[in-house]
C-alpha atoms as a PDB file:
ATOM      1  CA  PRO A   1      16.481  13.736  26.418  1.00  0.00           C
ATOM      2  CA  ALA A   2      12.557  13.768  26.772  1.00  0.00           C
ATOM      3  CA  ARG A   3      13.008  12.513  30.296  1.00  0.00           C
ATOM      4  CA  HIS A   4      15.379  15.364  31.066  1.00  0.00           C
ATOM      5  CA  ALA A   5      13.298  17.832  29.442  1.00  0.00           C
ATOM      6  CA  GLY A   6      10.509  17.065  31.912  1.00  0.00           C
ATOM      7  CA  ALA A   7       8.555  14.468  29.826  1.00  0.00           C
ATOM      8  CA  GLU A   8       7.088  11.590  31.231  1.00  0.00           C
ATOM      9  CA  VAL A   9       7.111   8.766  29.070  1.00  0.00           C
ATOM     10  CA  ARG A  10       4.206   5.948  29.149  1.00  0.00           C
ATOM     11  CA  THR A  11       4.108   2.728  27.207  1.00  0.00           C
ATOM     12  CA  GLY A  12       1.969  -0.338  26.962  1.00  0.00           C
ATOM     13  CA  GLU A  13      -1.172   1.639  26.710  1.00  0.00           C
ATOM     14  CA  ARG A  14      -3.607   1.027  23.998  1.00  0.00           C
ATOM     15  CA  VAL A  15      -5.287   4.339  23.145  1.00  0.00           C
ATOM     16  CA  ILE A  16      -9.130   4.652  22.440  1.00  0.00           C
ATOM     17  CA  SER A  17      -9.870   7.982  21.604  1.00  0.00           C
ATOM     18  CA  VAL A  18      -8.102  11.349  20.774  1.00  0.00           C
ATOM     19  CA  THR A  19     -10.326  14.404  21.087  1.00  0.00           C
ATOM     20  CA  GLU A  20      -9.599  18.058  22.048  1.00  0.00           C
ATOM     21  CA  GLY A  21      -8.050  18.565  25.318  1.00  0.00           C
ATOM     22  CA  ALA A  22      -7.611  14.920  26.092  1.00  0.00           C
ATOM     23  CA  VAL A  23      -6.052  11.340  24.867  1.00  0.00           C
ATOM     24  CA  ARG A  24      -7.871   8.617  26.497  1.00  0.00           C
ATOM     25  CA  THR A  25      -6.281   4.880  26.933  1.00  0.00           C
ATOM     26  CA  VAL A  26      -7.454   1.914  28.242  1.00  0.00           C
ATOM     27  CA  SER A  27      -5.825   2.968  31.680  1.00  0.00           C
ATOM     28  CA  ALA A  28      -6.361   6.906  31.922  1.00  0.00           C
ATOM     29  CA  GLU A  29      -7.261  10.022  30.261  1.00  0.00           C
ATOM     30  CA  TYR A  30      -4.732  12.692  29.829  1.00  0.00           C
ATOM     31  CA  ARG A  31      -5.534  16.490  29.305  1.00  0.00           C
ATOM     32  CA  ALA A  32      -3.715  17.991  26.696  1.00  0.00           C
ATOM     33  CA  ASP A  33      -3.506  21.486  25.296  1.00  0.00           C
ATOM     34  CA  VAL A  34      -1.901  20.353  22.307  1.00  0.00           C
ATOM     35  CA  VAL A  35      -1.874  16.794  20.780  1.00  0.00           C
ATOM     36  CA  VAL A  36       1.173  15.371  18.712  1.00  0.00           C
ATOM     37  CA  SER A  37       0.439  12.209  16.852  1.00  0.00           C
ATOM     38  CA  GLY A  38       2.939   9.889  15.162  1.00  0.00           C
ATOM     39  CA  LEU A  39       0.322   7.350  14.022  1.00  0.00           C
ATOM     40  CA  ASP A  40      -0.632   6.162  10.689  1.00  0.00           C
ATOM     41  CA  ALA A  41      -2.807   8.369   9.430  1.00  0.00           C
ATOM     42  CA  GLN A  42      -5.961   5.916   9.383  1.00  0.00           C
ATOM     43  CA  VAL A  43      -5.016   4.684  12.785  1.00  0.00           C
ATOM     44  CA  LEU A  44      -5.357   8.107  13.698  1.00  0.00           C
ATOM     45  CA  GLU A  45      -8.752   8.934  12.204  1.00  0.00           C
ATOM     46  CA  ASP A  46     -10.149   5.952  13.656  1.00  0.00           C
ATOM     47  CA  LEU A  47      -9.536   7.334  17.050  1.00  0.00           C
ATOM     48  CA  LEU A  48     -11.175  10.889  16.447  1.00  0.00           C
ATOM     49  CA  PRO A  49     -14.574  11.673  17.211  1.00  0.00           C
ATOM     50  CA  ASP A  50     -15.619  12.150  13.569  1.00  0.00           C
ATOM     51  CA  ALA A  51     -13.846   9.413  12.003  1.00  0.00           C
ATOM     52  CA  GLN A  52     -14.258   8.893   8.532  1.00  0.00           C
ATOM     53  CA  PRO A  53     -14.394   5.254   7.221  1.00  0.00           C
ATOM     54  CA  PRO A  54     -11.463   3.806   5.817  1.00  0.00           C
ATOM     55  CA  SER A  55     -10.518   4.940   2.220  1.00  0.00           C
ATOM     56  CA  ARG A  56     -10.572   2.238  -0.615  1.00  0.00           C
ATOM     57  CA  ARG A  57      -7.224   3.834  -2.030  1.00  0.00           C
ATOM     58  CA  ALA A  58      -4.201   1.574  -3.415  1.00  0.00           C
ATOM     59  CA  LEU A  59      -1.716   1.045  -0.227  1.00  0.00           C
ATOM     60  CA  THR A  60       1.852   2.270  -0.437  1.00  0.00           C
ATOM     61  CA  CYS A  61       4.484  -0.434  -0.374  1.00  0.00           C
ATOM     62  CA  SER A  62       5.720  -2.118   2.669  1.00  0.00           C
ATOM     63  CA  GLY A  63       9.121  -3.669   3.258  1.00  0.00           C
ATOM     64  CA  VAL A  64      11.317  -6.203   4.893  1.00  0.00           C
ATOM     65  CA  ALA A  65      14.005  -4.832   6.585  1.00  0.00           C
ATOM     66  CA  ILE A  66      17.095  -7.451   7.628  1.00  0.00           C
ATOM     67  CA  TYR A  67      19.658  -6.266  10.250  1.00  0.00           C
ATOM     68  CA  ALA A  68      22.611  -8.376  10.422  1.00  0.00           C
ATOM     69  CA  VAL A  69      26.142  -8.563  12.574  1.00  0.00           C
ATOM     70  CA  LEU A  70      28.508 -10.249  10.245  1.00  0.00           C
ATOM     71  CA  GLU A  71      31.163 -12.680  10.623  1.00  0.00           C
ATOM     72  CA  ARG A  72      33.432 -10.806   8.276  1.00  0.00           C
ATOM     73  CA  ASN A  73      33.727  -7.846   6.253  1.00  0.00           C
ATOM     74  CA  LEU A  74      32.334  -7.316   3.110  1.00  0.00           C
ATOM     75  CA  PRO A  75      34.484  -6.702   0.088  1.00  0.00           C
ATOM     76  CA  ALA A  76      36.489  -3.495   0.501  1.00  0.00           C
ATOM     77  CA  PRO A  77      34.524  -1.550  -2.199  1.00  0.00           C
ATOM     78  CA  THR A  78      31.158  -1.764  -0.631  1.00  0.00           C
ATOM     79  CA  ALA A  79      29.935   1.679  -0.115  1.00  0.00           C
ATOM     80  CA  THR A  80      28.224   2.451   3.226  1.00  0.00           C
ATOM     81  CA  HIS A  81      25.068   3.237   1.439  1.00  0.00           C
ATOM     82  CA  SER A  82      24.066   1.405  -1.636  1.00  0.00           C
ATOM     83  CA  VAL A  83      20.791   1.106  -3.786  1.00  0.00           C
ATOM     84  CA  VAL A  84      20.308  -2.261  -5.804  1.00  0.00           C
ATOM     85  CA  MET A  85      17.748  -1.571  -8.224  1.00  0.00           C
ATOM     86  CA  PRO A  86      15.813  -4.366 -10.366  1.00  0.00           C
ATOM     87  CA  ASP A  87      16.399  -4.804 -13.974  1.00  0.00           C
ATOM     88  CA  ASP A  88      12.761  -3.676 -14.552  1.00  0.00           C
ATOM     89  CA  PRO A  89      11.558  -1.043 -12.569  1.00  0.00           C
ATOM     90  CA  ALA A  90       8.192  -0.848 -14.105  1.00  0.00           C
ATOM     91  CA  ALA A  91       7.572  -4.693 -13.444  1.00  0.00           C
ATOM     92  CA  LEU A  92       8.281  -3.863  -9.787  1.00  0.00           C
ATOM     93  CA  HIS A  93       5.914  -0.991  -9.988  1.00  0.00           C
ATOM     94  CA  ARG A  94       2.943  -3.233 -11.484  1.00  0.00           C
ATOM     95  CA  SER A  95       3.542  -6.121  -8.646  1.00  0.00           C
ATOM     96  CA  LEU A  96       3.480  -3.721  -6.010  1.00  0.00           C
ATOM     97  CA  ALA A  97       0.361  -2.057  -7.568  1.00  0.00           C
ATOM     98  CA  MET A  98      -1.137  -5.549  -7.630  1.00  0.00           C
ATOM     99  CA  GLY A  99      -0.062  -6.279  -3.954  1.00  0.00           C
ATOM    100  CA  ALA A 100       2.372  -9.128  -5.582  1.00  0.00           C
ATOM    101  CA  VAL A 101       5.545 -10.023  -4.357  1.00  0.00           C
ATOM    102  CA  PRO A 102       7.980  -8.743  -7.229  1.00  0.00           C
ATOM    103  CA  GLU A 103      10.260 -10.911  -9.190  1.00  0.00           C
ATOM    104  CA  GLN A 104      13.196  -8.549  -8.462  1.00  0.00           C
ATOM    105  CA  THR A 105      12.914  -5.543  -5.994  1.00  0.00           C
ATOM    106  CA  MET A 106      14.691  -2.301  -4.865  1.00  0.00           C
ATOM    107  CA  ALA A 107      17.104  -2.780  -2.015  1.00  0.00           C
ATOM    108  CA  PHE A 108      18.916  -0.527   0.084  1.00  0.00           C
ATOM    109  CA  VAL A 109      22.007  -1.879   1.627  1.00  0.00           C
ATOM    110  CA  ASN A 110      23.498   0.017   4.618  1.00  0.00           C
ATOM    111  CA  TYR A 111      27.202  -1.365   5.627  1.00  0.00           C
ATOM    112  CA  PHE A 112      29.081  -0.335   8.694  1.00  0.00           C
ATOM    113  CA  ARG A 113      32.455  -1.429   9.173  1.00  0.00           C
ATOM    114  CA  PRO A 114      33.356  -1.626  12.650  1.00  0.00           C
ATOM    115  CA  ASN A 115      34.427   1.185  14.541  1.00  0.00           C
ATOM    116  CA  GLU A 116      34.051   3.203  11.337  1.00  0.00           C
ATOM    117  CA  VAL A 117      31.122   5.030  11.514  1.00  0.00           C
ATOM    118  CA  TYR A 118      29.802   3.309  14.861  1.00  0.00           C
ATOM    119  CA  PRO A 119      31.416   1.730  17.668  1.00  0.00           C
ATOM    120  CA  ASN A 120      30.188  -1.593  16.523  1.00  0.00           C
ATOM    121  CA  GLU A 121      33.008  -4.188  17.165  1.00  0.00           C
ATOM    122  CA  ARG A 122      31.747  -6.089  14.210  1.00  0.00           C
ATOM    123  CA  PRO A 123      30.659  -5.451  10.455  1.00  0.00           C
ATOM    124  CA  THR A 124      26.868  -5.013  10.491  1.00  0.00           C
ATOM    125  CA  VAL A 125      24.677  -4.778   7.278  1.00  0.00           C
ATOM    126  CA  ALA A 126      21.079  -3.688   7.224  1.00  0.00           C
ATOM    127  CA  LEU A 127      19.132  -4.802   3.732  1.00  0.00           C
ATOM    128  CA  LEU A 128      15.814  -2.984   3.270  1.00  0.00           C
ATOM    129  CA  LEU A 129      13.742  -4.739   0.687  1.00  0.00           C
ATOM    130  CA  THR A 130      10.679  -3.035  -0.807  1.00  0.00           C
ATOM    131  CA  ALA A 131       7.707  -5.329  -0.650  1.00  0.00           C
ATOM    132  CA  PRO A 132       3.931  -5.303  -1.291  1.00  0.00           C
ATOM    133  CA  ALA A 133       1.724  -4.265   1.541  1.00  0.00           C
ATOM    134  CA  ASP A 134       0.193  -7.788   2.106  1.00  0.00           C
ATOM    135  CA  GLY A 135       0.707  -8.089   5.752  1.00  0.00           C
ATOM    136  CA  ARG A 136       2.628 -11.226   5.541  1.00  0.00           C
ATOM    137  CA  GLY A 137       5.526 -12.481   7.857  1.00  0.00           C
ATOM    138  CA  TYR A 138       8.946 -13.079   5.801  1.00  0.00           C
ATOM    139  CA  ASP A 139      11.816 -14.876   7.166  1.00  0.00           C
ATOM    140  CA  LEU A 140      15.323 -15.666   5.450  1.00  0.00           C
ATOM    141  CA  ASP A 141      14.033 -18.814   4.124  1.00  0.00           C
ATOM    142  CA  ASP A 142      11.282 -17.299   2.026  1.00  0.00           C
ATOM    143  CA  PRO A 143      11.717 -17.622  -1.928  1.00  0.00           C
ATOM    144  CA  PHE A 144      11.617 -13.708  -2.285  1.00  0.00           C
ATOM    145  CA  ILE A 145      14.120 -13.234   0.311  1.00  0.00           C
ATOM    146  CA  GLU A 146      16.760 -15.988  -0.744  1.00  0.00           C
ATOM    147  CA  ARG A 147      16.287 -14.829  -4.348  1.00  0.00           C
ATOM    148  CA  GLU A 148      16.986 -11.012  -3.685  1.00  0.00           C
ATOM    149  CA  ILE A 149      19.671 -11.467  -0.942  1.00  0.00           C
ATOM    150  CA  GLY A 150      21.478 -13.722  -3.569  1.00  0.00           C
ATOM    151  CA  ARG A 151      20.961 -10.936  -5.965  1.00  0.00           C
ATOM    152  CA  ILE A 152      22.565  -8.269  -3.886  1.00  0.00           C
ATOM    153  CA  SER A 153      25.198 -10.498  -2.748  1.00  0.00           C
ATOM    154  CA  ARG A 154      26.521 -11.101  -6.384  1.00  0.00           C
ATOM    155  CA  ALA A 155      26.159  -7.244  -6.956  1.00  0.00           C
ATOM    156  CA  ILE A 156      28.288  -6.259  -4.447  1.00  0.00           C
ATOM    157  CA  GLY A 157      30.805  -8.722  -5.386  1.00  0.00           C
ATOM    158  CA  ILE A 158      30.161 -12.116  -3.234  1.00  0.00           C
ATOM    159  CA  SER A 159      29.414 -15.673  -4.704  1.00  0.00           C
ATOM    160  CA  ASP A 160      27.971 -17.006  -1.450  1.00  0.00           C
ATOM    161  CA  PRO A 161      24.551 -15.645  -0.241  1.00  0.00           C
ATOM    162  CA  MET A 162      25.243 -13.109   2.200  1.00  0.00           C
ATOM    163  CA  THR A 163      23.344 -15.006   4.963  1.00  0.00           C
ATOM    164  CA  GLU A 164      26.229 -17.312   5.054  1.00  0.00           C
ATOM    165  CA  TRP A 165      28.038 -14.619   6.715  1.00  0.00           C
ATOM    166  CA  PHE A 166      25.336 -13.808   9.248  1.00  0.00           C
ATOM    167  CA  ARG A 167      26.634 -14.100  12.899  1.00  0.00           C
ATOM    168  CA  ALA A 168      23.026 -12.877  13.912  1.00  0.00           C
ATOM    169  CA  CYS A 169      20.043 -10.950  12.533  1.00  0.00           C
ATOM    170  CA  LYS A 170      16.787  -9.653  12.858  1.00  0.00           C
ATOM    171  CA  VAL A 171      13.916  -9.416  10.281  1.00  0.00           C
ATOM    172  CA  PHE A 172      10.724  -7.030  10.488  1.00  0.00           C
ATOM    173  CA  ASP A 173       8.202  -7.566   7.895  1.00  0.00           C
ATOM    174  CA  PRO A 174       4.866  -6.313   6.781  1.00  0.00           C
ATOM    175  CA  ARG A 175       3.330  -8.287   9.604  1.00  0.00           C
ATOM    176  CA  TYR A 176       5.331  -6.634  12.020  1.00  0.00           C
ATOM    177  CA  PHE A 177       4.614  -3.015  10.541  1.00  0.00           C
ATOM    178  CA  ALA A 178       0.863  -3.720  10.458  1.00  0.00           C
ATOM    179  CA  ALA A 179       0.882  -4.898  13.951  1.00  0.00           C
ATOM    180  CA  SER A 180       1.190  -1.000  14.950  1.00  0.00           C
ATOM    181  CA  GLY A 181      -2.000  -0.760  12.946  1.00  0.00           C
ATOM    182  CA  ALA A 182      -0.776   0.222   9.271  1.00  0.00           C
ATOM    183  CA  ALA A 183      -3.270  -1.510   6.802  1.00  0.00           C
ATOM    184  CA  GLY A 184      -1.177  -4.504   5.459  1.00  0.00           C
ATOM    185  CA  GLY A 185       1.896  -2.944   6.824  1.00  0.00           C
ATOM    186  CA  ALA A 186       1.826   0.035   4.506  1.00  0.00           C
ATOM    187  CA  LEU A 187       4.901   2.400   5.342  1.00  0.00           C
ATOM    188  CA  TYR A 188       2.976   5.572   4.106  1.00  0.00           C
ATOM    189  CA  GLY A 189      -0.483   4.634   4.268  1.00  0.00           C
ATOM    190  CA  ALA A 190      -2.702   4.498   1.456  1.00  0.00           C
ATOM    191  CA  THR A 191      -1.495   6.123  -2.245  1.00  0.00           C
ATOM    192  CA  ARG A 192      -2.423   9.779  -2.882  1.00  0.00           C
ATOM    193  CA  PRO A 193      -2.871  11.641  -6.337  1.00  0.00           C
ATOM    194  CA  LEU A 194       0.011  13.523  -7.717  1.00  0.00           C
ATOM    195  CA  TRP A 195      -1.613  16.932  -6.762  1.00  0.00           C
ATOM    196  CA  GLN A 196      -1.383  15.943  -2.969  1.00  0.00           C
ATOM    197  CA  SER A 197       2.381  16.151  -3.046  1.00  0.00           C
ATOM    198  CA  GLY A 198       4.832  18.692  -1.826  1.00  0.00           C
ATOM    199  CA  PRO A 199       2.937  21.741  -0.033  1.00  0.00           C
ATOM    200  CA  LEU A 200      -0.540  20.078  -0.716  1.00  0.00           C
ATOM    201  CA  HIS A 201       0.406  16.772   0.772  1.00  0.00           C
ATOM    202  CA  ARG A 202      -2.334  15.157   2.716  1.00  0.00           C
ATOM    203  CA  PRO A 203      -2.665  14.587   5.528  1.00  0.00           C
ATOM    204  CA  SER A 204      -0.944  17.954   6.336  1.00  0.00           C
ATOM    205  CA  TYR A 205       1.223  18.721   9.570  1.00  0.00           C
ATOM    206  CA  HIS A 206      -1.319  20.800  10.966  1.00  0.00           C
ATOM    207  CA  ASP A 207      -4.957  20.731  10.188  1.00  0.00           C
ATOM    208  CA  ARG A 208      -7.041  24.074  10.397  1.00  0.00           C
ATOM    209  CA  ARG A 209     -10.022  22.369  11.393  1.00  0.00           C
ATOM    210  CA  ARG A 210      -8.517  20.576  14.527  1.00  0.00           C
ATOM    211  CA  PRO A 211      -5.595  23.340  15.677  1.00  0.00           C
ATOM    212  CA  TRP A 212      -4.965  21.505  18.661  1.00  0.00           C
ATOM    213  CA  LEU A 213      -3.941  18.345  16.439  1.00  0.00           C
ATOM    214  CA  TRP A 214      -0.202  18.250  15.151  1.00  0.00           C
ATOM    215  CA  ARG A 215       1.038  15.113  13.131  1.00  0.00           C
ATOM    216  CA  VAL A 216       4.564  13.760  12.845  1.00  0.00           C
ATOM    217  CA  GLY A 217       5.889  10.757  11.022  1.00  0.00           C
ATOM    218  CA  ALA A 218       5.526   8.769   7.404  1.00  0.00           C
ATOM    219  CA  SER A 219       2.092   9.816   7.150  1.00  0.00           C
ATOM    220  CA  VAL A 220       2.830  13.536   6.641  1.00  0.00           C
ATOM    221  CA  HIS A 221       6.507  13.612   5.254  1.00  0.00           C
ATOM    222  CA  PRO A 222       6.651  10.528   3.242  1.00  0.00           C
ATOM    223  CA  GLY A 223      10.622   8.967   3.236  1.00  0.00           C
ATOM    224  CA  GLY A 224      12.133   6.658   5.162  1.00  0.00           C
ATOM    225  CA  GLY A 225      14.711   6.599   8.214  1.00  0.00           C
ATOM    226  CA  ILE A 226      16.045   9.980   9.108  1.00  0.00           C
ATOM    227  CA  PRO A 227      13.702  12.171   6.669  1.00  0.00           C
ATOM    228  CA  ALA A 228      10.537  10.428   8.111  1.00  0.00           C
ATOM    229  CA  VAL A 229      11.323  10.215  11.623  1.00  0.00           C
ATOM    230  CA  LEU A 230      13.285  13.530  12.381  1.00  0.00           C
ATOM    231  CA  GLY A 231      13.047  15.470   9.277  1.00  0.00           C
ATOM    232  CA  GLY A 232       9.010  15.457   9.578  1.00  0.00           C
ATOM    233  CA  ALA A 233       9.292  16.080  13.282  1.00  0.00           C
ATOM    234  CA  MET A 234      11.516  19.062  12.816  1.00  0.00           C
ATOM    235  CA  VAL A 235       9.094  20.616  10.437  1.00  0.00           C
ATOM    236  CA  SER A 236       6.016  20.072  12.342  1.00  0.00           C
ATOM    237  CA  MET A 237       7.396  21.354  15.735  1.00  0.00           C
ATOM    238  CA  ASP A 238       8.987  24.481  14.320  1.00  0.00           C
ATOM    239  CA  LYS A 239       5.420  25.200  13.049  1.00  0.00           C
ATOM    240  CA  LEU A 240       3.841  24.302  16.632  1.00  0.00           C
ATOM    241  CA  LEU A 241       6.528  26.071  18.639  1.00  0.00           C
ATOM    242  CA  ARG A 242       6.256  29.289  16.304  1.00  0.00           C
ATOM    243  CA  GLN A 243       2.421  29.092  16.882  1.00  0.00           C
ATOM    244  CA  LEU A 244       2.678  28.844  20.185  1.00  0.00           C
ATOM    245  CA  ALA A 245       4.861  32.049  20.647  1.00  0.00           C
ATOM    246  CA  VAL A 246       2.437  34.068  19.041  1.00  0.00           C
ATOM    247  CA  ARG A 247      -0.223  33.263  21.710  1.00  0.00           C
END
């Protein structure tokens, strides 16, 4: 859709600075009246001319996302979307605050039967495990992952670890998320005080000190999936288009 609208998509060019009127990469300089950034807040901050030193605030959580194609369907009552909570949520919060792997975590289970919601020929499942922002790599043999997949499997009514039903899978972990610049793979950057929530959230979609700069993504719209990727972009771009219409 972007290309059909006339956009030119460029990848593989590391950005080295973002200033009013221009974005510089290792390959070229691109002139721009408006810059829209989906970068992690601190990554963008480091690219601005008046960059502030990294904060010492605690980091938000990271995650381990496991996407798998299954050999057979999960039990019939399995919901399309479900949440498996830890027995002790407070213990999970304490572990994440310390940057430690929790004994039990909060997990999202997204399950799609063949040709029910999407045109997938085989059943698929996505297991999204809340994890500390430790920058680590995880795989299916990691004790934390094994333990949690076993617990999730029992919660949805199967006695075997769900991994035994995997035909193919892909794992994304804190190390993967950290590769784009997010410290430790933190999904939402640094933590913020409670008063900086809702309409007072920082960073905001638009900074009046830099009227040419707009932000989208999880740094300005905390949440996962569609809320972070689409919801935040819709809010930000609606504000931008309104501003452009006034000019």
